[in-house]
Amino acid sequence: MIFIIRIVRFLIIAAVVYFLVRLLWKGDLFGFLKKEKKSKSPKPLEEMKKDPVCGTYIPESQAIKLNWKKENVYFCSEECKQKFQKLHR
């Protein structure tokens, strides 16, 4: 019986030490005391470009670009770009 009491006492002490170390090391215990992170300013919205073939709007950074008659034309896919090139030869 004394052996079981010692094991339980050891487990309780180990749990308390674990949570205290976690509290001191990470600065919170279970996330209750989380520090508010400074939010960065939101990214500016990216300009949307319209695909002239299918009419889909895509962000400029994700669009496939083609320089046509000294203008940039933007496409949602390689297929739309190829269709455009076939139509405007």
N, C-alpha and C. Protein backbone atom coordinates (compact mmCIF):
# COMPACT_ATOMS: atom_id res chain seq x y z
N MET A 1 0.83 -1.20 0.00
CA MET A 1 0.00 0.00 0.00
C MET A 1 0.87 1.26 0.00
N ILE A 2 1.95 1.23 0.77
CA ILE A 2 2.83 2.39 0.84
C ILE A 2 3.48 2.63 -0.52
N PHE A 3 3.75 1.55 -1.25
CA PHE A 3 4.35 1.67 -2.58
C PHE A 3 3.43 2.44 -3.53
N ILE A 4 2.14 2.16 -3.51
CA ILE A 4 1.17 2.84 -4.37
C ILE A 4 1.08 4.32 -4.00
N ILE A 5 1.10 4.63 -2.72
CA ILE A 5 1.04 6.03 -2.28
C ILE A 5 2.27 6.78 -2.78
N ARG A 6 3.43 6.15 -2.70
CA ARG A 6 4.65 6.80 -3.19
C ARG A 6 4.60 7.04 -4.70
N ILE A 7 4.07 6.08 -5.44
CA ILE A 7 3.95 6.24 -6.89
C ILE A 7 3.00 7.38 -7.22
N VAL A 8 1.84 7.44 -6.55
CA VAL A 8 0.88 8.50 -6.79
C VAL A 8 1.49 9.85 -6.43
N ARG A 9 2.19 9.94 -5.30
CA ARG A 9 2.83 11.18 -4.89
C ARG A 9 3.88 11.61 -5.91
N PHE A 10 4.66 10.65 -6.41
CA PHE A 10 5.67 10.95 -7.42
C PHE A 10 5.01 11.49 -8.69
N LEU A 11 3.91 10.87 -9.13
CA LEU A 11 3.22 11.31 -10.32
C LEU A 11 2.65 12.72 -10.16
N ILE A 12 2.10 13.02 -9.00
CA ILE A 12 1.57 14.36 -8.74
C ILE A 12 2.68 15.39 -8.75
N ILE A 13 3.79 15.07 -8.10
CA ILE A 13 4.92 16.01 -8.08
C ILE A 13 5.48 16.19 -9.49
N ALA A 14 5.58 15.12 -10.26
CA ALA A 14 6.09 15.21 -11.63
C ALA A 14 5.17 16.08 -12.48
N ALA A 15 3.86 15.92 -12.32
CA ALA A 15 2.91 16.73 -13.09
C ALA A 15 3.03 18.20 -12.72
N VAL A 16 3.15 18.50 -11.45
CA VAL A 16 3.29 19.90 -11.01
C VAL A 16 4.58 20.50 -11.56
N VAL A 17 5.66 19.77 -11.50
CA VAL A 17 6.94 20.26 -12.03
C VAL A 17 6.83 20.48 -13.54
N TYR A 18 6.19 19.54 -14.24
CA TYR A 18 6.02 19.67 -15.69
C TYR A 18 5.27 20.95 -16.04
N PHE A 19 4.14 21.20 -15.36
CA PHE A 19 3.34 22.38 -15.68
C PHE A 19 4.03 23.67 -15.28
N LEU A 20 4.80 23.65 -14.19
CA LEU A 20 5.55 24.84 -13.81
C LEU A 20 6.65 25.15 -14.83
N VAL A 21 7.35 24.12 -15.28
CA VAL A 21 8.38 24.33 -16.30
C VAL A 21 7.75 24.84 -17.58
N ARG A 22 6.63 24.26 -17.95
CA ARG A 22 5.94 24.70 -19.16
C ARG A 22 5.49 26.15 -19.03
N LEU A 23 4.99 26.51 -17.85
CA LEU A 23 4.55 27.88 -17.61
C LEU A 23 5.72 28.86 -17.73
N LEU A 24 6.83 28.52 -17.14
CA LEU A 24 7.98 29.41 -17.17
C LEU A 24 8.63 29.46 -18.54
N TRP A 25 8.70 28.33 -19.21
CA TRP A 25 9.41 28.25 -20.48
C TRP A 25 8.62 28.91 -21.60
N LYS A 26 7.34 28.59 -21.74
CA LYS A 26 6.54 29.11 -22.84
C LYS A 26 5.78 30.37 -22.47
N GLY A 27 5.71 30.70 -21.23
CA GLY A 27 5.02 31.91 -20.83
C GLY A 27 3.53 31.74 -20.65
N ASP A 28 3.02 30.54 -20.77
CA ASP A 28 1.61 30.31 -20.50
C ASP A 28 1.39 28.86 -20.06
N LEU A 29 0.28 28.64 -19.44
CA LEU A 29 -0.10 27.32 -18.99
C LEU A 29 -1.42 26.99 -19.64
N PHE A 30 -1.44 26.03 -20.54
CA PHE A 30 -2.64 25.64 -21.30
C PHE A 30 -3.12 26.73 -22.24
N GLY A 31 -2.37 27.75 -22.50
CA GLY A 31 -2.79 28.78 -23.44
C GLY A 31 -3.69 29.84 -22.83
N PHE A 32 -3.95 29.78 -21.51
CA PHE A 32 -4.84 30.76 -20.89
C PHE A 32 -4.22 32.14 -20.83
N LEU A 33 -2.93 32.19 -20.73
CA LEU A 33 -2.26 33.47 -20.55
C LEU A 33 -1.52 33.90 -21.82
N LYS A 34 -2.05 33.51 -22.95
CA LYS A 34 -1.37 33.82 -24.21
C LYS A 34 -1.19 35.31 -24.38
N LYS A 35 -0.02 35.65 -24.81
CA LYS A 35 0.25 37.05 -25.11
C LYS A 35 -0.35 37.36 -26.47
N GLU A 36 -0.93 38.52 -26.58
CA GLU A 36 -1.49 38.91 -27.87
C GLU A 36 -0.35 39.23 -28.81
N LYS A 37 -0.40 38.61 -29.95
CA LYS A 37 0.63 38.86 -30.95
C LYS A 37 0.30 40.15 -31.66
N LYS A 38 1.34 40.89 -31.93
CA LYS A 38 1.13 42.12 -32.68
C LYS A 38 0.77 41.74 -34.11
N SER A 39 -0.38 42.18 -34.52
CA SER A 39 -0.80 41.83 -35.87
C SER A 39 -0.11 42.74 -36.87
N LYS A 40 0.37 42.12 -37.90
CA LYS A 40 0.97 42.89 -38.98
C LYS A 40 -0.15 43.54 -39.77
N SER A 41 0.15 44.62 -40.40
CA SER A 41 -0.88 45.26 -41.20
C SER A 41 -1.28 44.32 -42.32
N PRO A 42 -2.55 44.30 -42.66
CA PRO A 42 -3.00 43.37 -43.70
C PRO A 42 -2.35 43.69 -45.04
N LYS A 43 -2.15 42.65 -45.81
CA LYS A 43 -1.56 42.84 -47.13
C LYS A 43 -2.55 43.59 -48.01
N PRO A 44 -2.05 44.47 -48.84
CA PRO A 44 -2.98 45.15 -49.74
C PRO A 44 -3.61 44.14 -50.69
N LEU A 45 -4.84 44.41 -51.04
CA LEU A 45 -5.52 43.51 -51.96
C LEU A 45 -4.83 43.52 -53.31
N GLU A 46 -4.74 42.36 -53.88
CA GLU A 46 -4.07 42.22 -55.17
C GLU A 46 -5.06 42.50 -56.29
N GLU A 47 -4.55 43.11 -57.33
CA GLU A 47 -5.41 43.43 -58.47
C GLU A 47 -5.83 42.16 -59.19
N MET A 48 -7.10 42.08 -59.53
CA MET A 48 -7.63 40.94 -60.25
C MET A 48 -7.61 41.23 -61.75
N LYS A 49 -7.25 40.25 -62.52
CA LYS A 49 -7.20 40.37 -63.97
C LYS A 49 -8.23 39.44 -64.59
N LYS A 50 -8.86 39.91 -65.66
CA LYS A 50 -9.90 39.11 -66.32
C LYS A 50 -9.31 38.36 -67.51
N ASP A 51 -9.56 37.06 -67.54
CA ASP A 51 -9.14 36.22 -68.65
C ASP A 51 -10.04 36.55 -69.84
N PRO A 52 -9.47 37.00 -70.98
CA PRO A 52 -10.31 37.39 -72.11
C PRO A 52 -10.99 36.21 -72.81
N VAL A 53 -10.55 35.00 -72.56
CA VAL A 53 -11.14 33.84 -73.23
C VAL A 53 -12.36 33.33 -72.47
N CYS A 54 -12.20 33.04 -71.19
CA CYS A 54 -13.30 32.44 -70.43
C CYS A 54 -13.97 33.42 -69.47
N GLY A 55 -13.37 34.60 -69.26
CA GLY A 55 -13.98 35.61 -68.41
C GLY A 55 -13.71 35.43 -66.92
N THR A 56 -12.86 34.51 -66.55
CA THR A 56 -12.53 34.27 -65.15
C THR A 56 -11.61 35.38 -64.63
N TYR A 57 -11.83 35.80 -63.39
CA TYR A 57 -10.95 36.76 -62.73
C TYR A 57 -9.93 36.00 -61.89
N ILE A 58 -8.66 36.38 -62.05
CA ILE A 58 -7.59 35.75 -61.29
C ILE A 58 -6.67 36.82 -60.72
N PRO A 59 -6.06 36.55 -59.55
CA PRO A 59 -5.08 37.49 -59.01
C PRO A 59 -3.89 37.60 -59.97
N GLU A 60 -3.38 38.79 -60.10
CA GLU A 60 -2.30 39.04 -61.06
C GLU A 60 -1.10 38.12 -60.83
N SER A 61 -0.77 37.83 -59.57
CA SER A 61 0.40 37.01 -59.29
C SER A 61 0.21 35.56 -59.72
N GLN A 62 -1.03 35.10 -59.84
CA GLN A 62 -1.29 33.71 -60.22
C GLN A 62 -1.61 33.56 -61.71
N ALA A 63 -1.80 34.67 -62.39
CA ALA A 63 -2.20 34.64 -63.80
C ALA A 63 -1.02 34.32 -64.70
N ILE A 64 -1.34 33.74 -65.83
CA ILE A 64 -0.34 33.48 -66.87
C ILE A 64 -0.34 34.70 -67.79
N LYS A 65 0.83 35.30 -67.94
CA LYS A 65 0.92 36.57 -68.65
C LYS A 65 1.43 36.37 -70.07
N LEU A 66 0.84 37.15 -70.99
CA LEU A 66 1.29 37.15 -72.39
C LEU A 66 1.38 38.60 -72.84
N ASN A 67 2.52 38.96 -73.42
CA ASN A 67 2.68 40.31 -73.95
C ASN A 67 2.18 40.28 -75.39
N TRP A 68 1.06 40.95 -75.65
CA TRP A 68 0.43 40.93 -76.96
C TRP A 68 0.16 42.36 -77.41
N LYS A 69 0.72 42.76 -78.52
CA LYS A 69 0.59 44.12 -79.06
C LYS A 69 0.94 45.17 -78.00
N LYS A 70 2.09 44.99 -77.39
CA LYS A 70 2.63 45.90 -76.38
C LYS A 70 1.72 46.04 -75.15
N GLU A 71 0.85 45.07 -74.92
CA GLU A 71 -0.01 45.05 -73.73
C GLU A 71 0.11 43.70 -73.07
N ASN A 72 -0.02 43.67 -71.77
CA ASN A 72 -0.05 42.40 -71.06
C ASN A 72 -1.47 41.87 -71.02
N VAL A 73 -1.63 40.61 -71.39
CA VAL A 73 -2.92 39.93 -71.34
C VAL A 73 -2.76 38.80 -70.34
N TYR A 74 -3.74 38.61 -69.47
CA TYR A 74 -3.65 37.65 -68.38
C TYR A 74 -4.65 36.51 -68.57
N PHE A 75 -4.20 35.28 -68.27
CA PHE A 75 -5.02 34.10 -68.46
C PHE A 75 -5.05 33.26 -67.19
N CYS A 76 -6.16 32.51 -67.04
CA CYS A 76 -6.29 31.65 -65.86
C CYS A 76 -5.59 30.31 -66.06
N SER A 77 -5.38 29.92 -67.30
CA SER A 77 -4.73 28.63 -67.56
C SER A 77 -3.96 28.70 -68.88
N GLU A 78 -3.14 27.70 -69.06
CA GLU A 78 -2.36 27.60 -70.29
C GLU A 78 -3.29 27.33 -71.48
N GLU A 79 -4.37 26.60 -71.23
CA GLU A 79 -5.34 26.32 -72.30
C GLU A 79 -5.96 27.61 -72.84
N CYS A 80 -6.37 28.50 -71.94
CA CYS A 80 -6.96 29.77 -72.38
C CYS A 80 -5.95 30.60 -73.15
N LYS A 81 -4.70 30.57 -72.71
CA LYS A 81 -3.65 31.31 -73.40
C LYS A 81 -3.48 30.77 -74.82
N GLN A 82 -3.49 29.44 -74.98
CA GLN A 82 -3.32 28.84 -76.30
C GLN A 82 -4.52 29.14 -77.20
N LYS A 83 -5.73 29.12 -76.64
CA LYS A 83 -6.93 29.47 -77.43
C LYS A 83 -6.84 30.91 -77.92
N PHE A 84 -6.40 31.81 -77.05
CA PHE A 84 -6.26 33.22 -77.41
C PHE A 84 -5.25 33.37 -78.55
N GLN A 85 -4.13 32.68 -78.44
CA GLN A 85 -3.08 32.78 -79.46
C GLN A 85 -3.58 32.23 -80.80
N LYS A 86 -4.38 31.17 -80.79
CA LYS A 86 -4.91 30.62 -82.03
C LYS A 86 -5.89 31.61 -82.69
N LEU A 87 -6.70 32.26 -81.86
CA LEU A 87 -7.70 33.20 -82.40
C LEU A 87 -7.07 34.49 -82.91
N HIS A 88 -5.94 34.90 -82.38
CA HIS A 88 -5.35 36.19 -82.70
C HIS A 88 -4.02 36.07 -83.42
N ARG A 89 -3.91 35.17 -84.34
CA ARG A 89 -2.67 35.03 -85.12
C ARG A 89 -2.64 36.00 -86.23
